[in-house]
N, C-alpha and C. Protein backbone atom coordinates (compact mmCIF):
# COMPACT_ATOMS: atom_id res chain seq x y z
N MET A 1 45.66 93.19 150.27
CA MET A 1 46.75 92.96 149.33
C MET A 1 48.04 93.47 149.98
N PRO A 2 49.12 92.68 149.92
CA PRO A 2 50.37 93.10 150.53
C PRO A 2 50.97 94.30 149.80
N LYS A 3 51.86 95.00 150.50
CA LYS A 3 52.52 96.16 149.89
C LYS A 3 53.30 95.70 148.66
N THR A 4 53.18 96.45 147.61
CA THR A 4 53.81 96.08 146.35
C THR A 4 55.29 96.46 146.35
N SER A 5 56.09 95.55 145.86
CA SER A 5 57.53 95.76 145.77
C SER A 5 57.84 96.76 144.64
N PRO A 6 58.77 97.68 144.90
CA PRO A 6 59.18 98.61 143.83
C PRO A 6 59.80 97.87 142.64
N GLN A 7 60.43 96.72 142.91
CA GLN A 7 61.02 95.94 141.81
C GLN A 7 59.93 95.38 140.89
N VAL A 8 58.82 94.97 141.48
CA VAL A 8 57.70 94.44 140.68
C VAL A 8 57.11 95.56 139.83
N LEU A 9 56.89 96.72 140.44
CA LEU A 9 56.34 97.85 139.69
C LEU A 9 57.30 98.29 138.57
N ALA A 10 58.59 98.26 138.85
CA ALA A 10 59.58 98.64 137.83
C ALA A 10 59.56 97.63 136.67
N ALA A 11 59.48 96.34 136.99
CA ALA A 11 59.42 95.32 135.94
C ALA A 11 58.13 95.44 135.12
N LEU A 12 57.03 95.73 135.80
CA LEU A 12 55.77 95.94 135.09
C LEU A 12 55.85 97.15 134.17
N GLN A 13 56.50 98.21 134.62
CA GLN A 13 56.64 99.43 133.80
C GLN A 13 57.49 99.15 132.57
N VAL A 14 58.59 98.43 132.73
CA VAL A 14 59.46 98.11 131.59
C VAL A 14 58.69 97.24 130.58
N ALA A 15 57.93 96.27 131.08
CA ALA A 15 57.13 95.42 130.20
C ALA A 15 56.05 96.24 129.49
N ASP A 16 55.43 97.17 130.21
CA ASP A 16 54.41 98.02 129.61
C ASP A 16 55.01 98.87 128.49
N ASP A 17 56.17 99.45 128.72
CA ASP A 17 56.84 100.25 127.69
C ASP A 17 57.14 99.41 126.45
N ALA A 18 57.65 98.19 126.67
CA ALA A 18 57.98 97.30 125.55
C ALA A 18 56.73 96.91 124.77
N GLU A 19 55.65 96.61 125.48
CA GLU A 19 54.39 96.24 124.81
C GLU A 19 53.82 97.43 124.04
N ALA A 20 53.89 98.62 124.61
CA ALA A 20 53.38 99.81 123.92
C ALA A 20 54.17 100.07 122.64
N THR A 21 55.48 99.91 122.71
CA THR A 21 56.34 100.10 121.55
C THR A 21 56.02 99.07 120.47
N ALA A 22 55.91 97.80 120.88
CA ALA A 22 55.62 96.74 119.93
C ALA A 22 54.25 96.94 119.29
N ALA A 23 53.25 97.29 120.10
CA ALA A 23 51.90 97.48 119.56
C ALA A 23 51.89 98.60 118.52
N GLU A 24 52.56 99.70 118.82
CA GLU A 24 52.60 100.82 117.88
C GLU A 24 53.36 100.45 116.60
N LYS A 25 54.48 99.78 116.77
CA LYS A 25 55.29 99.37 115.62
C LYS A 25 54.49 98.43 114.71
N TRP A 26 53.84 97.43 115.30
CA TRP A 26 53.09 96.47 114.51
C TRP A 26 51.83 97.08 113.90
N HIS A 27 51.25 98.07 114.58
CA HIS A 27 50.09 98.75 114.03
C HIS A 27 50.48 99.52 112.76
N LYS A 28 51.62 100.19 112.82
CA LYS A 28 52.12 100.90 111.63
C LYS A 28 52.44 99.91 110.51
N GLN A 29 53.09 98.80 110.88
CA GLN A 29 53.47 97.79 109.88
C GLN A 29 52.22 97.21 109.21
N GLU A 30 51.23 96.92 110.01
CA GLU A 30 49.97 96.38 109.49
C GLU A 30 49.34 97.35 108.51
N GLY A 31 49.24 98.61 108.88
CA GLY A 31 48.66 99.62 108.01
C GLY A 31 49.40 99.74 106.70
N GLU A 32 50.72 99.71 106.77
CA GLU A 32 51.54 99.81 105.57
C GLU A 32 51.32 98.61 104.65
N LEU A 33 51.26 97.42 105.22
CA LEU A 33 51.10 96.23 104.40
C LEU A 33 49.70 96.11 103.82
N LYS A 34 48.70 96.61 104.51
CA LYS A 34 47.33 96.52 104.01
C LYS A 34 46.99 97.63 103.03
N ALA A 35 47.58 98.81 103.20
CA ALA A 35 47.16 99.96 102.40
C ALA A 35 48.27 100.59 101.58
N GLY A 36 49.49 100.08 101.71
CA GLY A 36 50.60 100.67 100.98
C GLY A 36 50.47 100.47 99.48
N PRO A 37 51.43 100.98 98.72
CA PRO A 37 51.36 100.86 97.26
C PRO A 37 51.36 99.41 96.78
N LYS A 38 52.07 98.54 97.47
CA LYS A 38 52.01 97.10 97.21
C LYS A 38 51.21 96.52 98.37
N LYS A 39 50.06 95.98 98.10
CA LYS A 39 49.21 95.52 99.19
C LYS A 39 49.49 94.05 99.49
N PHE A 40 49.86 93.78 100.73
CA PHE A 40 50.09 92.43 101.21
C PHE A 40 49.10 92.19 102.34
N LYS A 41 47.84 91.97 101.99
CA LYS A 41 46.79 91.90 103.01
C LYS A 41 47.00 90.74 103.99
N GLY A 42 47.44 89.59 103.50
CA GLY A 42 47.67 88.44 104.38
C GLY A 42 48.75 88.73 105.42
N LEU A 43 49.83 89.35 104.97
CA LEU A 43 50.89 89.71 105.91
C LEU A 43 50.41 90.81 106.85
N GLY A 44 49.59 91.70 106.34
CA GLY A 44 49.01 92.75 107.18
C GLY A 44 48.17 92.16 108.30
N ARG A 45 47.41 91.12 107.98
CA ARG A 45 46.60 90.46 109.02
C ARG A 45 47.47 89.84 110.10
N TRP A 46 48.62 89.28 109.71
CA TRP A 46 49.52 88.67 110.69
C TRP A 46 50.01 89.75 111.67
N PHE A 47 50.37 90.89 111.14
CA PHE A 47 50.82 91.98 112.00
C PHE A 47 49.66 92.59 112.79
N ASP A 48 48.47 92.56 112.22
CA ASP A 48 47.29 93.03 112.95
C ASP A 48 47.04 92.17 114.19
N ARG A 49 47.18 90.87 114.05
CA ARG A 49 47.01 89.97 115.22
C ARG A 49 48.08 90.25 116.28
N ARG A 50 49.33 90.44 115.84
CA ARG A 50 50.39 90.74 116.82
C ARG A 50 50.10 92.07 117.51
N HIS A 51 49.60 93.05 116.74
CA HIS A 51 49.27 94.35 117.32
C HIS A 51 48.19 94.21 118.37
N ARG A 52 47.11 93.50 118.05
CA ARG A 52 46.00 93.36 119.00
C ARG A 52 46.43 92.61 120.26
N GLU A 53 47.23 91.55 120.08
CA GLU A 53 47.72 90.80 121.24
C GLU A 53 48.58 91.68 122.14
N SER A 54 49.48 92.43 121.53
CA SER A 54 50.37 93.30 122.30
C SER A 54 49.59 94.40 123.00
N TYR A 55 48.61 94.95 122.32
CA TYR A 55 47.77 96.00 122.90
C TYR A 55 47.01 95.48 124.12
N GLU A 56 46.48 94.26 124.02
CA GLU A 56 45.77 93.65 125.15
C GLU A 56 46.71 93.40 126.33
N ARG A 57 47.91 92.87 126.04
CA ARG A 57 48.88 92.63 127.11
C ARG A 57 49.30 93.94 127.77
N GLN A 58 49.48 94.98 126.96
CA GLN A 58 49.86 96.29 127.51
C GLN A 58 48.79 96.78 128.48
N HIS A 59 47.55 96.65 128.10
CA HIS A 59 46.48 97.14 128.97
C HIS A 59 46.30 96.27 130.20
N ASP A 60 46.57 94.97 130.09
CA ASP A 60 46.58 94.11 131.28
C ASP A 60 47.66 94.57 132.25
N LEU A 61 48.84 94.86 131.72
CA LEU A 61 49.94 95.34 132.56
C LEU A 61 49.56 96.66 133.23
N ARG A 62 49.00 97.55 132.43
CA ARG A 62 48.62 98.87 132.94
C ARG A 62 47.58 98.77 134.05
N ARG A 63 46.53 97.99 133.80
CA ARG A 63 45.48 97.84 134.82
C ARG A 63 46.04 97.23 136.10
N HIS A 64 46.94 96.25 135.94
CA HIS A 64 47.51 95.60 137.12
C HIS A 64 48.40 96.57 137.90
N MET A 65 49.19 97.36 137.18
CA MET A 65 50.04 98.35 137.86
C MET A 65 49.18 99.34 138.64
N GLN A 66 48.11 99.80 138.04
CA GLN A 66 47.24 100.76 138.71
C GLN A 66 46.54 100.13 139.91
N ALA A 67 46.17 98.86 139.78
CA ALA A 67 45.54 98.16 140.90
C ALA A 67 46.52 98.00 142.06
N LEU A 68 47.81 97.90 141.74
CA LEU A 68 48.84 97.77 142.78
C LEU A 68 49.26 99.13 143.34
N GLY A 69 48.69 100.19 142.81
CA GLY A 69 49.01 101.52 143.31
C GLY A 69 50.13 102.21 142.57
N GLY A 70 50.56 101.64 141.46
CA GLY A 70 51.64 102.25 140.68
C GLY A 70 51.10 103.28 139.71
N LYS A 71 51.99 104.13 139.26
CA LYS A 71 51.64 105.16 138.28
C LYS A 71 52.25 104.74 136.95
N VAL A 72 51.45 104.81 135.89
CA VAL A 72 51.90 104.37 134.57
C VAL A 72 52.34 105.57 133.75
N ALA A 73 53.55 105.51 133.26
CA ALA A 73 54.09 106.54 132.37
C ALA A 73 54.69 105.81 131.17
N THR A 74 53.96 105.76 130.08
CA THR A 74 54.41 104.99 128.92
C THR A 74 55.49 105.73 128.15
N ASN A 75 56.58 105.03 127.90
CA ASN A 75 57.70 105.56 127.13
C ASN A 75 57.89 104.69 125.90
N LEU A 76 57.59 105.24 124.73
CA LEU A 76 57.75 104.47 123.49
C LEU A 76 59.21 104.42 123.09
N GLY A 77 59.60 103.26 122.61
CA GLY A 77 60.94 103.09 122.06
C GLY A 77 60.89 103.29 120.55
N ASP A 78 61.74 102.58 119.84
CA ASP A 78 61.83 102.68 118.39
C ASP A 78 60.62 102.01 117.74
N THR A 79 59.81 102.78 117.04
CA THR A 79 58.63 102.23 116.38
C THR A 79 58.78 102.22 114.86
N SER A 80 60.03 102.19 114.39
CA SER A 80 60.24 102.18 112.94
C SER A 80 59.72 100.88 112.35
N TYR A 81 59.35 100.93 111.08
CA TYR A 81 58.77 99.76 110.42
C TYR A 81 59.20 99.77 108.96
N TYR A 82 58.92 98.68 108.25
CA TYR A 82 59.27 98.56 106.84
C TYR A 82 58.13 99.08 105.99
N THR A 83 58.46 99.92 105.02
CA THR A 83 57.43 100.33 104.07
C THR A 83 57.35 99.28 102.98
N ALA A 84 56.27 99.29 102.25
CA ALA A 84 56.12 98.33 101.16
C ALA A 84 57.23 98.51 100.12
N ARG A 85 57.73 99.73 99.99
CA ARG A 85 58.82 99.99 99.05
C ARG A 85 60.13 99.37 99.53
N ASP A 86 60.24 99.12 100.84
CA ASP A 86 61.45 98.49 101.39
C ASP A 86 61.47 96.98 101.12
N LEU A 87 60.32 96.41 100.86
CA LEU A 87 60.19 94.96 100.74
C LEU A 87 60.25 94.55 99.27
N LYS A 88 61.47 94.30 98.79
CA LYS A 88 61.66 93.97 97.38
C LYS A 88 62.20 92.57 97.17
N SER A 89 63.02 92.11 98.07
CA SER A 89 63.70 90.83 97.87
C SER A 89 63.32 89.85 98.98
N PRO A 90 63.63 88.57 98.77
CA PRO A 90 63.37 87.60 99.84
C PRO A 90 64.08 87.96 101.14
N GLU A 91 65.27 88.54 101.03
CA GLU A 91 66.03 88.93 102.22
C GLU A 91 65.30 90.01 103.01
N ASP A 92 64.60 90.90 102.30
CA ASP A 92 63.83 91.95 102.98
C ASP A 92 62.69 91.35 103.79
N PHE A 93 62.01 90.37 103.22
CA PHE A 93 60.92 89.71 103.94
C PHE A 93 61.45 88.88 105.10
N GLN A 94 62.61 88.25 104.90
CA GLN A 94 63.23 87.52 106.00
C GLN A 94 63.57 88.47 107.14
N ARG A 95 64.10 89.64 106.80
CA ARG A 95 64.45 90.64 107.81
C ARG A 95 63.19 91.14 108.53
N LEU A 96 62.09 91.32 107.78
CA LEU A 96 60.83 91.75 108.37
C LEU A 96 60.39 90.79 109.47
N PHE A 97 60.41 89.49 109.18
CA PHE A 97 59.98 88.51 110.17
C PHE A 97 61.03 88.26 111.25
N SER A 98 62.30 88.39 110.92
CA SER A 98 63.35 88.26 111.93
C SER A 98 63.25 89.39 112.95
N ASP A 99 62.98 90.60 112.46
CA ASP A 99 62.80 91.74 113.37
C ASP A 99 61.57 91.54 114.25
N ALA A 100 60.50 91.01 113.68
CA ALA A 100 59.30 90.72 114.48
C ALA A 100 59.61 89.68 115.54
N ALA A 101 60.38 88.66 115.17
CA ALA A 101 60.77 87.62 116.13
C ALA A 101 61.66 88.21 117.23
N ASP A 102 62.55 89.10 116.87
CA ASP A 102 63.41 89.74 117.87
C ASP A 102 62.59 90.58 118.84
N THR A 103 61.57 91.26 118.32
CA THR A 103 60.68 92.04 119.18
C THR A 103 59.93 91.12 120.14
N LEU A 104 59.43 90.01 119.62
CA LEU A 104 58.73 89.03 120.47
C LEU A 104 59.67 88.45 121.52
N SER A 105 60.91 88.23 121.15
CA SER A 105 61.90 87.72 122.10
C SER A 105 62.14 88.73 123.22
N GLY A 106 62.21 90.02 122.87
CA GLY A 106 62.37 91.07 123.87
C GLY A 106 61.18 91.12 124.81
N LEU A 107 59.96 90.96 124.27
CA LEU A 107 58.76 90.94 125.11
C LEU A 107 58.79 89.74 126.05
N TYR A 108 59.25 88.61 125.53
CA TYR A 108 59.39 87.41 126.36
C TYR A 108 60.30 87.70 127.55
N ASP A 109 61.43 88.33 127.28
CA ASP A 109 62.37 88.66 128.35
C ASP A 109 61.75 89.60 129.38
N ARG A 110 60.98 90.59 128.92
CA ARG A 110 60.35 91.55 129.84
C ARG A 110 59.30 90.87 130.72
N HIS A 111 58.51 89.98 130.13
CA HIS A 111 57.48 89.29 130.91
C HIS A 111 58.11 88.27 131.87
N THR A 112 59.21 87.67 131.47
CA THR A 112 59.92 86.77 132.38
C THR A 112 60.46 87.56 133.57
N ALA A 113 60.95 88.76 133.32
CA ALA A 113 61.46 89.62 134.40
C ALA A 113 60.33 89.99 135.37
N VAL A 114 59.12 90.23 134.86
CA VAL A 114 57.97 90.52 135.73
C VAL A 114 57.70 89.34 136.65
N THR A 115 57.66 88.16 136.08
CA THR A 115 57.39 86.95 136.88
C THR A 115 58.48 86.73 137.91
N GLU A 116 59.73 86.90 137.52
CA GLU A 116 60.84 86.69 138.46
C GLU A 116 60.80 87.70 139.60
N ALA A 117 60.54 88.96 139.28
CA ALA A 117 60.46 89.99 140.32
C ALA A 117 59.30 89.71 141.26
N ALA A 118 58.19 89.26 140.71
CA ALA A 118 57.02 88.95 141.55
C ALA A 118 57.29 87.75 142.44
N GLU A 119 57.97 86.75 141.92
CA GLU A 119 58.31 85.57 142.74
C GLU A 119 59.24 85.95 143.88
N LYS A 120 60.25 86.79 143.58
CA LYS A 120 61.19 87.23 144.63
C LYS A 120 60.48 88.03 145.71
N ALA A 121 59.50 88.83 145.30
CA ALA A 121 58.78 89.69 146.25
C ALA A 121 57.64 88.95 146.94
N GLY A 122 57.37 87.72 146.52
CA GLY A 122 56.27 86.97 147.11
C GLY A 122 54.90 87.49 146.67
N ASP A 123 54.83 88.11 145.49
CA ASP A 123 53.59 88.67 144.97
C ASP A 123 52.89 87.60 144.13
N HIS A 124 52.09 86.79 144.81
CA HIS A 124 51.42 85.67 144.16
C HIS A 124 50.40 86.14 143.11
N ASP A 125 49.73 87.25 143.38
CA ASP A 125 48.72 87.77 142.44
C ASP A 125 49.33 88.11 141.09
N THR A 126 50.47 88.75 141.10
CA THR A 126 51.13 89.11 139.85
C THR A 126 51.62 87.87 139.12
N CYS A 127 52.15 86.90 139.86
CA CYS A 127 52.58 85.65 139.24
C CYS A 127 51.41 84.96 138.54
N GLN A 128 50.27 84.91 139.22
CA GLN A 128 49.08 84.28 138.66
C GLN A 128 48.58 85.05 137.44
N LYS A 129 48.56 86.35 137.53
CA LYS A 129 48.01 87.19 136.47
C LYS A 129 48.77 87.01 135.16
N PHE A 130 50.08 86.90 135.23
CA PHE A 130 50.89 86.84 134.02
C PHE A 130 51.49 85.46 133.76
N PHE A 131 50.93 84.45 134.42
CA PHE A 131 51.38 83.07 134.20
C PHE A 131 51.09 82.66 132.76
N GLY A 132 52.09 82.16 132.08
CA GLY A 132 51.91 81.65 130.73
C GLY A 132 52.08 82.66 129.62
N VAL A 133 52.15 83.94 129.95
CA VAL A 133 52.29 84.96 128.90
C VAL A 133 53.59 84.76 128.14
N HIS A 134 54.67 84.52 128.87
CA HIS A 134 55.95 84.37 128.19
C HIS A 134 55.97 83.13 127.30
N HIS A 135 55.19 82.09 127.66
CA HIS A 135 55.10 80.90 126.81
C HIS A 135 54.41 81.25 125.49
N ASP A 136 53.34 82.02 125.54
CA ASP A 136 52.64 82.46 124.32
C ASP A 136 53.57 83.28 123.43
N LEU A 137 54.37 84.14 124.05
CA LEU A 137 55.31 84.97 123.29
C LEU A 137 56.38 84.11 122.62
N ALA A 138 56.85 83.09 123.32
CA ALA A 138 57.85 82.19 122.74
C ALA A 138 57.28 81.45 121.53
N CYS A 139 56.02 81.04 121.62
CA CYS A 139 55.36 80.36 120.49
C CYS A 139 55.26 81.29 119.28
N GLN A 140 54.87 82.54 119.51
CA GLN A 140 54.77 83.50 118.41
C GLN A 140 56.15 83.82 117.82
N GLU A 141 57.15 83.86 118.67
CA GLU A 141 58.51 84.10 118.17
C GLU A 141 58.93 82.97 117.24
N ARG A 142 58.68 81.72 117.64
CA ARG A 142 59.02 80.58 116.78
C ARG A 142 58.29 80.66 115.44
N LYS A 143 57.02 81.06 115.46
CA LYS A 143 56.25 81.18 114.22
C LYS A 143 56.85 82.25 113.31
N ALA A 144 57.27 83.37 113.89
CA ALA A 144 57.87 84.44 113.09
C ALA A 144 59.19 83.96 112.48
N ARG A 145 59.98 83.24 113.24
CA ARG A 145 61.25 82.72 112.71
C ARG A 145 60.99 81.68 111.61
N ARG A 146 59.93 80.88 111.77
CA ARG A 146 59.57 79.92 110.72
C ARG A 146 59.16 80.63 109.44
N LYS A 147 58.45 81.74 109.57
CA LYS A 147 58.07 82.50 108.37
C LYS A 147 59.31 83.05 107.67
N ALA A 148 60.28 83.52 108.44
CA ALA A 148 61.52 84.02 107.84
C ALA A 148 62.24 82.90 107.09
N THR A 149 62.25 81.72 107.67
CA THR A 149 62.89 80.57 107.04
C THR A 149 62.10 80.12 105.81
N LEU A 150 60.78 80.18 105.90
CA LEU A 150 59.92 79.75 104.80
C LEU A 150 60.15 80.58 103.55
N VAL A 151 60.39 81.87 103.70
CA VAL A 151 60.66 82.73 102.55
C VAL A 151 61.87 82.19 101.79
N ALA A 152 62.92 81.82 102.51
CA ALA A 152 64.13 81.30 101.88
C ALA A 152 63.90 79.92 101.28
N ASP A 153 63.11 79.10 101.96
CA ASP A 153 62.92 77.71 101.51
C ASP A 153 62.06 77.59 100.26
N ILE A 154 60.94 78.30 100.21
CA ILE A 154 60.02 78.11 99.09
C ILE A 154 60.07 79.24 98.06
N GLY A 155 60.78 80.29 98.38
CA GLY A 155 60.89 81.41 97.45
C GLY A 155 59.83 82.47 97.73
N LEU A 156 60.15 83.69 97.36
CA LEU A 156 59.28 84.82 97.66
C LEU A 156 57.93 84.73 96.96
N GLY A 157 57.91 84.33 95.70
CA GLY A 157 56.67 84.27 94.95
C GLY A 157 55.66 83.32 95.58
N GLU A 158 56.11 82.13 95.91
CA GLU A 158 55.20 81.15 96.53
C GLU A 158 54.81 81.57 97.94
N PHE A 159 55.77 82.16 98.68
CA PHE A 159 55.45 82.65 100.03
C PHE A 159 54.34 83.69 99.98
N LEU A 160 54.47 84.66 99.08
CA LEU A 160 53.45 85.70 98.96
C LEU A 160 52.12 85.13 98.47
N ALA A 161 52.17 84.13 97.62
CA ALA A 161 50.92 83.51 97.15
C ALA A 161 50.18 82.84 98.31
N LYS A 162 50.91 82.28 99.26
CA LYS A 162 50.29 81.64 100.41
C LYS A 162 49.80 82.66 101.44
N HIS A 163 50.28 83.89 101.39
CA HIS A 163 49.96 84.89 102.40
C HIS A 163 49.21 86.10 101.82
N VAL A 164 48.43 85.87 100.79
CA VAL A 164 47.70 86.99 100.18
C VAL A 164 46.39 87.22 100.88
């Protein structure tokens, strides 16, 4: 295996930090929606899937960094989340999904940076390993934005009835 570029390792570290932050944030959000005073189990499941996906991507990044000889030091960012008491109006639910979409957009940017750094460094293994990840993130971002729009279009009551 060729010597790993410091730029590739740095991009992998930034992506790992973003994935760790997202996974923790969505895990808290999922728990709150499933077990909070107002239980939104369907919405909790949506955040549970995002949490599991992010957790898997984080560990893929971590294993790859370690295989390349890098040292992993996870730095969590802002893991704040909405409590069930915060979610009262349609605008609150729109904000919940808009924030999730923004997080997915940030992850997309981090994974794109990994691919670009690997291409510049000629690291074919890293390009292959993370090929298509940013496409999956873009699809999930679109779905989150559609959910935010759906709340406004059909109303909160019907939206919650579809996501119970």
